C-alpha atoms as a PDB file:
ATOM      1  CA  ARG A   1      -0.093   0.018   0.308  1.00  0.00           C
ATOM      2  CA  ASP A   2       3.342   2.574   0.913  1.00  0.00           C
ATOM      3  CA  SER A   3       4.328   2.327  -2.449  1.00  0.00           C
ATOM      4  CA  CYS A   4       1.055   2.908  -4.060  1.00  0.00           C
ATOM      5  CA  ARG A   5       0.245   5.800  -1.835  1.00  0.00           C
ATOM      6  CA  GLY A   6       4.180   7.001  -3.228  1.00  0.00           C
ATOM      7  CA  TYR A   7       3.265   6.599  -6.556  1.00  0.00           C
ATOM      8  CA  GLU A   8       0.190   7.977  -6.464  1.00  0.00           C
ATOM      9  CA  TRP A   9       1.308  11.223  -4.785  1.00  0.00           C
ATOM     10  CA  ALA A  10       4.788  11.594  -7.151  1.00  0.00           C
ATOM     11  CA  ALA A  11       1.971  11.654  -9.934  1.00  0.00           C
ATOM     12  CA  ALA A  12       0.214  14.472  -8.663  1.00  0.00           C
ATOM     13  CA  ASN A  13       3.422  16.137  -7.028  1.00  0.00           C
ATOM     14  CA  GLY A  14       5.792  15.288  -9.637  1.00  0.00           C
ATOM     15  CA  ASP A  15       7.881  18.847  -9.527  1.00  0.00           C
ATOM     16  CA  GLU A  16       8.800  18.003  -5.847  1.00  0.00           C
ATOM     17  CA  ALA A  17       8.915  14.159  -6.303  1.00  0.00           C
ATOM     18  CA  ALA A  18      11.610  14.762  -9.309  1.00  0.00           C
ATOM     19  CA  ASP A  19      13.164  17.394  -6.754  1.00  0.00           C
ATOM     20  CA  LEU A  20      13.295  14.458  -3.867  1.00  0.00           C
ATOM     21  CA  LEU A  21      14.975  11.890  -6.400  1.00  0.00           C
ATOM     22  CA  VAL A  22      17.822  14.682  -7.494  1.00  0.00           C
ATOM     23  CA  ALA A  23      18.421  15.535  -4.307  1.00  0.00           C
ATOM     24  CA  ALA A  24      18.392  11.746  -2.657  1.00  0.00           C
ATOM     25  CA  GLY A  25      20.874  10.438  -5.803  1.00  0.00           C
ATOM     26  CA  ASN A  26      23.174  13.000  -5.283  1.00  0.00           C
ATOM     27  CA  ARG A  27      23.285  12.657  -1.839  1.00  0.00           C
ATOM     28  CA  ASP A  28      23.602   8.761  -2.174  1.00  0.00           C
ATOM     29  CA  ASN A  29      26.077   8.635  -5.170  1.00  0.00           C
ATOM     30  CA  PRO A  30      28.907  11.532  -4.702  1.00  0.00           C
ATOM     31  CA  SER A  31      31.159   9.571  -6.882  1.00  0.00           C
ATOM     32  CA  LEU A  32      28.670  10.538  -9.971  1.00  0.00           C
ATOM     33  CA  THR A  33      30.568  12.705 -12.735  1.00  0.00           C
ATOM     34  CA  GLU A  34      28.535  14.460 -12.866  1.00  0.00           C
ATOM     35  CA  PRO A  35      25.633  15.367 -10.200  1.00  0.00           C
ATOM     36  CA  LEU A  36      21.274  14.514 -11.811  1.00  0.00           C
ATOM     37  CA  GLU A  37      20.062  17.418 -12.926  1.00  0.00           C
ATOM     38  CA  SER A  38      16.906  18.790 -11.883  1.00  0.00           C
ATOM     39  CA  GLY A  39      15.211  20.353 -15.375  1.00  0.00           C
ATOM     40  CA  LEU A  40      15.617  16.686 -16.845  1.00  0.00           C
ATOM     41  CA  ILE A  41      14.659  14.960 -13.795  1.00  0.00           C
ATOM     42  CA  ARG A  42      11.289  17.099 -14.186  1.00  0.00           C
ATOM     43  CA  ALA A  43      10.659  16.820 -17.654  1.00  0.00           C
ATOM     44  CA  SER A  44      11.129  12.874 -17.413  1.00  0.00           C
ATOM     45  CA  THR A  45       8.906  12.889 -14.575  1.00  0.00           C
ATOM     46  CA  ALA A  46       6.271  15.293 -16.340  1.00  0.00           C
ATOM     47  CA  ALA A  47       6.357  12.770 -19.168  1.00  0.00           C
ATOM     48  CA  THR A  48       5.894   9.603 -17.530  1.00  0.00           C
ATOM     49  CA  ALA A  49       3.989  10.548 -14.562  1.00  0.00           C
ATOM     50  CA  PRO A  50       0.201  10.333 -16.900  1.00  0.00           C
ATOM     51  CA  LEU A  51       1.575   6.507 -17.819  1.00  0.00           C
ATOM     52  CA  LEU A  52       2.150   5.544 -13.732  1.00  0.00           C
ATOM     53  CA  LEU A  53      -1.204   5.413 -13.127  1.00  0.00           C
ATOM     54  CA  ASP A  54      -4.593   3.832 -14.400  1.00  0.00           C
ATOM     55  CA  GLY A  55      -8.012   5.304 -13.852  1.00  0.00           C
ATOM     56  CA  GLY A  56      -6.043   7.131 -10.555  1.00  0.00           C
ATOM     57  CA  LYS A  57      -4.828   4.544  -9.285  1.00  0.00           C
ATOM     58  CA  TRP A  58      -0.955   2.674  -9.304  1.00  0.00           C
ATOM     59  CA  GLY A  59      -0.379  -1.150 -10.119  1.00  0.00           C
ATOM     60  CA  ARG A  60      -3.719  -1.801 -12.261  1.00  0.00           C
ATOM     61  CA  MET A  61      -2.993  -3.107 -16.024  1.00  0.00           C
ATOM     62  CA  ASP A  62      -4.758  -2.581 -18.740  1.00  0.00           C
ATOM     63  CA  GLU A  63      -5.286  -5.052 -21.246  1.00  0.00           C
ATOM     64  CA  GLY A  64      -5.333  -2.137 -23.978  1.00  0.00           C
ATOM     65  CA  ARG A  65      -2.235  -1.387 -22.974  1.00  0.00           C
ATOM     66  CA  TRP A  66      -0.726  -4.780 -22.941  1.00  0.00           C
ATOM     67  CA  ASP A  67      -1.798  -4.899 -26.557  1.00  0.00           C
ATOM     68  CA  GLU A  68      -0.145  -1.379 -27.888  1.00  0.00           C
ATOM     69  CA  PHE A  69       3.482  -2.800 -26.472  1.00  0.00           C
ATOM     70  CA  LEU A  70       2.807  -5.790 -27.738  1.00  0.00           C
ATOM     71  CA  ASP A  71       2.086  -4.906 -30.946  1.00  0.00           C
ATOM     72  CA  TRP A  72       5.201  -2.596 -30.454  1.00  0.00           C
ATOM     73  CA  LEU A  73       7.353  -5.076 -29.754  1.00  0.00           C
ATOM     74  CA  SER A  74       6.094  -7.150 -33.200  1.00  0.00           C
ATOM     75  CA  GLU A  75       6.797  -4.164 -35.281  1.00  0.00           C
ATOM     76  CA  TYR A  76      10.452  -4.008 -34.259  1.00  0.00           C
ATOM     77  CA  GLY A  77      10.987  -7.624 -34.337  1.00  0.00           C
ATOM     78  CA  LEU A  78      11.487  -7.935 -30.313  1.00  0.00           C
ATOM     79  CA  LEU A  79       8.392 -10.289 -30.527  1.00  0.00           C
ATOM     80  CA  THR A  80      10.746 -13.630 -30.020  1.00  0.00           C
ATOM     81  CA  THR A  81      10.986 -17.190 -28.288  1.00  0.00           C
ATOM     82  CA  SER A  82      14.067 -15.765 -26.373  1.00  0.00           C
ATOM     83  CA  MET A  83      14.474 -13.366 -23.567  1.00  0.00           C
ATOM     84  CA  GLN A  84      17.302 -11.131 -21.588  1.00  0.00           C
ATOM     85  CA  SER A  85      18.808 -12.515 -18.125  1.00  0.00           C
ATOM     86  CA  ARG A  86      21.722 -11.358 -16.446  1.00  0.00           C
ATOM     87  CA  SER A  87      23.036 -14.846 -16.180  1.00  0.00           C
ATOM     88  CA  ALA A  88      21.253 -16.926 -19.030  1.00  0.00           C
ATOM     89  CA  PRO A  89      21.151 -20.236 -18.811  1.00  0.00           C
ATOM     90  CA  SER A  90      20.951 -22.843 -21.451  1.00  0.00           C
ATOM     91  CA  GLY A  91      17.842 -22.734 -23.482  1.00  0.00           C
ATOM     92  CA  ASP A  92      15.738 -20.084 -24.535  1.00  0.00           C
ATOM     93  CA  SER A  93      17.550 -17.219 -22.262  1.00  0.00           C
ATOM     94  CA  LYS A  94      20.253 -15.020 -23.797  1.00  0.00           C
ATOM     95  CA  THR A  95      22.212 -12.010 -22.500  1.00  0.00           C
ATOM     96  CA  LEU A  96      21.971  -8.326 -23.527  1.00  0.00           C
ATOM     97  CA  ASP A  97      25.195  -8.857 -24.781  1.00  0.00           C
ATOM     98  CA  GLU A  98      23.744 -11.763 -27.051  1.00  0.00           C
ATOM     99  CA  LEU A  99      20.325 -10.156 -27.544  1.00  0.00           C
ATOM    100  CA  ARG A 100      22.427  -6.797 -29.028  1.00  0.00           C
ATOM    101  CA  ALA A 101      24.306  -8.912 -31.344  1.00  0.00           C
ATOM    102  CA  GLY A 102      20.780 -10.037 -32.926  1.00  0.00           C
ATOM    103  CA  ASN A 103      20.779 -13.365 -31.021  1.00  0.00           C
ATOM    104  CA  ALA A 104      16.724 -12.771 -30.430  1.00  0.00           C
ATOM    105  CA  GLY A 105      15.775 -16.273 -31.120  1.00  0.00           C
ATOM    106  CA  ASP A 106      12.656 -16.693 -33.474  1.00  0.00           C
ATOM    107  CA  SER A 107       9.812 -14.209 -33.835  1.00  0.00           C
ATOM    108  CA  ILE A 108       6.601 -15.087 -32.159  1.00  0.00           C
ATOM    109  CA  ASP A 109       3.372 -14.591 -34.230  1.00  0.00           C
ATOM    110  CA  ARG A 110       1.621 -11.499 -32.840  1.00  0.00           C
ATOM    111  CA  SER A 111      -1.710 -12.847 -33.412  1.00  0.00           C
ATOM    112  CA  THR A 112      -0.888 -15.973 -31.111  1.00  0.00           C
ATOM    113  CA  VAL A 113      -0.188 -13.434 -28.044  1.00  0.00           C
ATOM    114  CA  GLU A 114      -3.521 -12.827 -25.589  1.00  0.00           C
ATOM    115  CA  ALA A 115      -2.335  -9.618 -23.813  1.00  0.00           C
ATOM    116  CA  SER A 116      -4.550 -11.045 -21.269  1.00  0.00           C
ATOM    117  CA  ALA A 117      -2.860 -13.940 -20.590  1.00  0.00           C
ATOM    118  CA  LEU A 118       0.280 -11.979 -19.692  1.00  0.00           C
ATOM    119  CA  PHE A 119      -1.079  -9.675 -16.690  1.00  0.00           C
ATOM    120  CA  THR A 120      -3.903 -10.015 -13.372  1.00  0.00           C
ATOM    121  CA  ASN A 121      -5.313  -7.293 -11.488  1.00  0.00           C
ATOM    122  CA  ASP A 122      -6.939 -10.039  -8.611  1.00  0.00           C
ATOM    123  CA  PHE A 123      -3.944  -8.984  -5.893  1.00  0.00           C
ATOM    124  CA  PHE A 124      -5.602  -5.893  -5.635  1.00  0.00           C
ATOM    125  CA  ALA A 125      -8.209  -4.729  -2.886  1.00  0.00           C
ATOM    126  CA  GLU A 126     -11.085  -2.149  -3.975  1.00  0.00           C
ATOM    127  CA  PRO A 127     -12.228   0.473  -2.101  1.00  0.00           C
END
């Protein structure tokens, strides 16, 4: 619940959330070669805040958004049988370097992937 409230607050208070992130990031990472820049983070927050909430609630999944994402993956040849893994075991998992090198597996026909099978909202308590 706290994460949910935090994301909802950040979406409603983008500039203040961005300033808090910049202050904490710069404080906790003194070895940054360049400090985080408030203007860039504010712009990023403004651009992404509307995407964080669905109907005013954080964390809810929307089938239409998943369909759009799957369409995008398919359009750019990214809907494949391989997946990224930091330590790829044998099989269909690849390291990010392998994927970048074009070893992404076979294409998956978009029509065979049902967006509704990829998520659930069943665990959210309704108000």
